[in-house]
């Protein structure tokens, strides 16, 4: 890794690693639990689908986290949601 990349990485993640930030910087969001696959490495399909955040609600959550640098989208199959396309 070149020095410039290392500096950018430290600026982005350093505050998260070194002290507690005043707003979340990392988020793990399960978009849905619905899935039509039965992958051996995942048990998302075995869980009962519950209430899911709408795209508008997700947008409000992300707006409330202006310093978010790490977003991990997880869950079942997003395309199984009726609202997956705008």
C-alpha atoms as a PDB file:
ATOM      1  CA  UNK A   1       0.000   0.000   0.000  1.00  0.00           C
ATOM      2  CA  UNK A   2       1.416   3.365  -0.934  1.00  0.00           C
ATOM      3  CA  UNK A   3       1.769   6.119   1.715  1.00  0.00           C
ATOM      4  CA  UNK A   4      -1.024   8.264   0.254  1.00  0.00           C
ATOM      5  CA  UNK A   5      -3.482   5.366   0.428  1.00  0.00           C
ATOM      6  CA  UNK A   6      -2.417   4.642   3.988  1.00  0.00           C
ATOM      7  CA  UNK A   7      -3.056   8.259   5.005  1.00  0.00           C
ATOM      8  CA  UNK A   8      -6.546   8.177   3.440  1.00  0.00           C
ATOM      9  CA  UNK A   9      -7.299   4.911   5.207  1.00  0.00           C
ATOM     10  CA  UNK A  10      -6.167   6.266   8.570  1.00  0.00           C
ATOM     11  CA  UNK A  11      -8.187   9.459   8.140  1.00  0.00           C
ATOM     12  CA  UNK A  12     -11.310   7.462   7.328  1.00  0.00           C
ATOM     13  CA  UNK A  13     -10.999   4.707   9.909  1.00  0.00           C
ATOM     14  CA  UNK A  14      -8.614   6.083  12.517  1.00  0.00           C
ATOM     15  CA  UNK A  15     -11.307   7.869  14.538  1.00  0.00           C
ATOM     16  CA  UNK A  16     -13.420   4.714  14.543  1.00  0.00           C
ATOM     17  CA  UNK A  17     -10.531   2.568  15.725  1.00  0.00           C
ATOM     18  CA  UNK A  18      -9.033   4.971  18.264  1.00  0.00           C
ATOM     19  CA  UNK A  19     -11.990   6.638  20.004  1.00  0.00           C
ATOM     20  CA  UNK A  20     -15.742   6.387  20.228  1.00  0.00           C
ATOM     21  CA  UNK A  21     -17.250   8.586  17.493  1.00  0.00           C
ATOM     22  CA  UNK A  22     -20.175  10.909  18.217  1.00  0.00           C
ATOM     23  CA  UNK A  23     -22.178   9.353  15.371  1.00  0.00           C
ATOM     24  CA  UNK A  24     -22.005   5.822  13.953  1.00  0.00           C
ATOM     25  CA  UNK A  25     -19.336   5.336  11.297  1.00  0.00           C
ATOM     26  CA  UNK A  26     -20.069   1.685  10.549  1.00  0.00           C
ATOM     27  CA  UNK A  27     -23.410   0.012   9.897  1.00  0.00           C
ATOM     28  CA  UNK A  28     -24.555  -3.497   9.100  1.00  0.00           C
ATOM     29  CA  UNK A  29     -28.010  -3.469   7.537  1.00  0.00           C
ATOM     30  CA  UNK A  30     -30.068  -6.586   6.793  1.00  0.00           C
ATOM     31  CA  UNK A  31     -32.213  -5.562   3.841  1.00  0.00           C
ATOM     32  CA  UNK A  32     -34.483  -8.596   4.139  1.00  0.00           C
ATOM     33  CA  UNK A  33     -34.621 -12.101   5.530  1.00  0.00           C
ATOM     34  CA  UNK A  34     -36.564 -13.406   2.526  1.00  0.00           C
ATOM     35  CA  UNK A  35     -34.661 -15.706   0.216  1.00  0.00           C
ATOM     36  CA  UNK A  36     -35.551 -18.417  -2.260  1.00  0.00           C
ATOM     37  CA  UNK A  37     -32.106 -20.067  -2.007  1.00  0.00           C
ATOM     38  CA  UNK A  38     -31.045 -22.581   0.608  1.00  0.00           C
ATOM     39  CA  UNK A  39     -27.318 -21.910   0.751  1.00  0.00           C
ATOM     40  CA  UNK A  40     -25.364 -24.070   3.189  1.00  0.00           C
ATOM     41  CA  UNK A  41     -23.318 -21.105   4.448  1.00  0.00           C
ATOM     42  CA  UNK A  42     -26.349 -18.930   5.259  1.00  0.00           C
ATOM     43  CA  UNK A  43     -29.410 -19.394   7.436  1.00  0.00           C
ATOM     44  CA  UNK A  44     -31.193 -16.189   6.461  1.00  0.00           C
ATOM     45  CA  UNK A  45     -33.832 -18.191   4.615  1.00  0.00           C
ATOM     46  CA  UNK A  46     -34.677 -20.164   7.789  1.00  0.00           C
ATOM     47  CA  UNK A  47     -35.628 -17.038   9.752  1.00  0.00           C
ATOM     48  CA  UNK A  48     -39.126 -15.671   9.704  1.00  0.00           C
ATOM     49  CA  UNK A  49     -39.290 -12.473   7.643  1.00  0.00           C
ATOM     50  CA  UNK A  50     -40.213  -9.619   9.924  1.00  0.00           C
ATOM     51  CA  UNK A  51     -40.779  -5.935   9.519  1.00  0.00           C
ATOM     52  CA  UNK A  52     -38.360  -4.428   7.030  1.00  0.00           C
ATOM     53  CA  UNK A  53     -37.311  -0.826   6.753  1.00  0.00           C
ATOM     54  CA  UNK A  54     -38.678   0.875   3.660  1.00  0.00           C
ATOM     55  CA  UNK A  55     -36.249   2.598   1.291  1.00  0.00           C
ATOM     56  CA  UNK A  56     -37.409   5.936   2.709  1.00  0.00           C
ATOM     57  CA  UNK A  57     -36.722   4.787   6.266  1.00  0.00           C
ATOM     58  CA  UNK A  58     -33.299   3.493   5.266  1.00  0.00           C
ATOM     59  CA  UNK A  59     -32.587   6.860   3.640  1.00  0.00           C
ATOM     60  CA  UNK A  60     -33.479   8.685   6.859  1.00  0.00           C
ATOM     61  CA  UNK A  61     -31.222   6.368   8.856  1.00  0.00           C
ATOM     62  CA  UNK A  62     -28.275   7.012   6.537  1.00  0.00           C
ATOM     63  CA  UNK A  63     -28.866  10.779   6.507  1.00  0.00           C
ATOM     64  CA  UNK A  64     -28.703  10.653  10.312  1.00  0.00           C
ATOM     65  CA  UNK A  65     -25.207   9.130  10.030  1.00  0.00           C
ATOM     66  CA  UNK A  66     -23.291  11.789   8.075  1.00  0.00           C
ATOM     67  CA  UNK A  67     -19.883  10.342   8.977  1.00  0.00           C
ATOM     68  CA  UNK A  68     -20.685   6.810   7.814  1.00  0.00           C
ATOM     69  CA  UNK A  69     -17.625   5.291   6.135  1.00  0.00           C
ATOM     70  CA  UNK A  70     -18.472   1.585   6.240  1.00  0.00           C
ATOM     71  CA  UNK A  71     -21.793   0.124   5.103  1.00  0.00           C
ATOM     72  CA  UNK A  72     -22.306  -3.625   5.017  1.00  0.00           C
ATOM     73  CA  UNK A  73     -25.536  -4.678   3.296  1.00  0.00           C
ATOM     74  CA  UNK A  74     -26.575  -8.182   4.234  1.00  0.00           C
ATOM     75  CA  UNK A  75     -29.596 -10.376   4.673  1.00  0.00           C
ATOM     76  CA  UNK A  76     -31.523 -12.513   2.245  1.00  0.00           C
ATOM     77  CA  UNK A  77     -32.214 -11.813  -1.426  1.00  0.00           C
ATOM     78  CA  UNK A  78     -32.903  -8.067  -1.910  1.00  0.00           C
ATOM     79  CA  UNK A  79     -34.630  -8.720  -5.233  1.00  0.00           C
ATOM     80  CA  UNK A  80     -37.397 -10.566  -3.334  1.00  0.00           C
ATOM     81  CA  UNK A  81     -38.578  -7.232  -1.960  1.00  0.00           C
ATOM     82  CA  UNK A  82     -41.430  -5.616  -3.849  1.00  0.00           C
ATOM     83  CA  UNK A  83     -39.725  -2.205  -3.463  1.00  0.00           C
ATOM     84  CA  UNK A  84     -36.217  -3.175  -4.564  1.00  0.00           C
ATOM     85  CA  UNK A  85     -36.378  -0.974  -7.661  1.00  0.00           C
ATOM     86  CA  UNK A  86     -37.106   2.767  -7.557  1.00  0.00           C
END
